[in-house]
């Protein structure tokens, strides 16, 4: 699930366990799906082992991110 905001960050919830990067990969895939971009376009900038991650997505996705942050969710 991607949608909503917490502490000025977009909320991404995944069910994958945080083992061997599986939760991180699931989160990146969820962000890509929510923004309608290929997974290869979403890269992890920081936070590989943290609950708080910074990702980078090329192009103009500000409008989609704003909609997701306001609570318009896409699973």
Protein backbone atom coordinates (compact mmCIF):
# COMPACT_ATOMS: atom_id res chain seq x y z
CA UNK A 1 0.00 0.00 0.00
CA UNK A 2 1.26 3.43 -0.90
CA UNK A 3 -0.54 6.49 0.38
CA UNK A 4 -0.76 8.93 3.21
CA UNK A 5 1.86 10.89 5.04
CA UNK A 6 3.77 10.47 8.29
CA UNK A 7 6.40 12.91 9.58
CA UNK A 8 6.47 14.65 6.17
CA UNK A 9 7.18 11.38 4.33
CA UNK A 10 5.11 9.26 1.95
CA UNK A 11 3.90 6.08 3.63
CA UNK A 12 4.74 2.79 1.92
CA UNK A 13 3.58 -0.38 3.65
CA UNK A 14 4.73 -3.82 2.52
CA UNK A 15 4.26 -7.30 3.91
CA UNK A 16 7.68 -8.63 2.89
CA UNK A 17 10.03 -9.42 5.75
CA UNK A 18 13.10 -7.27 6.27
CA UNK A 19 15.47 -10.10 5.37
CA UNK A 20 18.03 -10.00 2.56
CA UNK A 21 16.62 -6.74 1.19
CA UNK A 22 13.20 -8.24 0.44
CA UNK A 23 11.25 -5.49 2.22
CA UNK A 24 13.30 -2.79 0.51
CA UNK A 25 12.69 -4.36 -2.90
CA UNK A 26 8.98 -4.66 -2.15
CA UNK A 27 8.86 -0.99 -1.13
CA UNK A 28 10.64 0.13 -4.31
CA UNK A 29 8.30 -2.00 -6.41
CA UNK A 30 5.27 -0.54 -4.61
CA UNK A 31 6.49 3.02 -5.24
CA UNK A 32 7.05 2.23 -8.92
CA UNK A 33 3.58 0.71 -9.26
CA UNK A 34 1.93 3.62 -7.45
CA UNK A 35 3.67 6.16 -9.69
CA UNK A 36 3.11 4.16 -12.87
CA UNK A 37 6.78 3.90 -13.72
CA UNK A 38 8.95 0.84 -14.36
CA UNK A 39 10.69 -0.57 -11.27
CA UNK A 40 14.07 0.08 -12.93
CA UNK A 41 13.31 3.83 -12.76
CA UNK A 42 13.04 3.84 -8.95
CA UNK A 43 16.40 3.85 -7.23
CA UNK A 44 17.28 3.76 -3.56
CA UNK A 45 19.33 6.80 -2.54
CA UNK A 46 19.66 6.00 1.16
CA UNK A 47 18.16 3.86 3.89
CA UNK A 48 18.83 0.30 2.71
CA UNK A 49 18.68 -1.00 6.29
CA UNK A 50 16.36 1.66 7.72
CA UNK A 51 12.60 2.00 7.91
CA UNK A 52 13.05 5.49 6.45
CA UNK A 53 14.20 5.38 2.84
CA UNK A 54 15.00 8.02 0.26
CA UNK A 55 14.25 7.10 -3.33
CA UNK A 56 14.81 8.83 -6.64
CA UNK A 57 12.47 8.69 -9.61
CA UNK A 58 13.35 10.45 -12.87
CA UNK A 59 10.83 12.66 -14.59
CA UNK A 60 8.03 14.79 -13.25
CA UNK A 61 6.16 12.70 -10.68
CA UNK A 62 5.44 15.53 -8.24
CA UNK A 63 1.70 15.51 -8.98
CA UNK A 64 1.39 11.76 -8.40
CA UNK A 65 3.43 11.98 -5.18
CA UNK A 66 1.26 14.85 -3.92
CA UNK A 67 -1.89 12.81 -4.58
CA UNK A 68 -0.44 9.80 -2.76
CA UNK A 69 0.67 11.91 0.19
CA UNK A 70 -2.81 13.37 0.52
CA UNK A 71 -4.16 9.88 1.06
CA UNK A 72 -5.19 8.78 -2.40
CA UNK A 73 -3.98 5.24 -2.09
CA UNK A 74 -3.07 2.67 -4.65
CA UNK A 75 -2.32 -0.89 -3.60
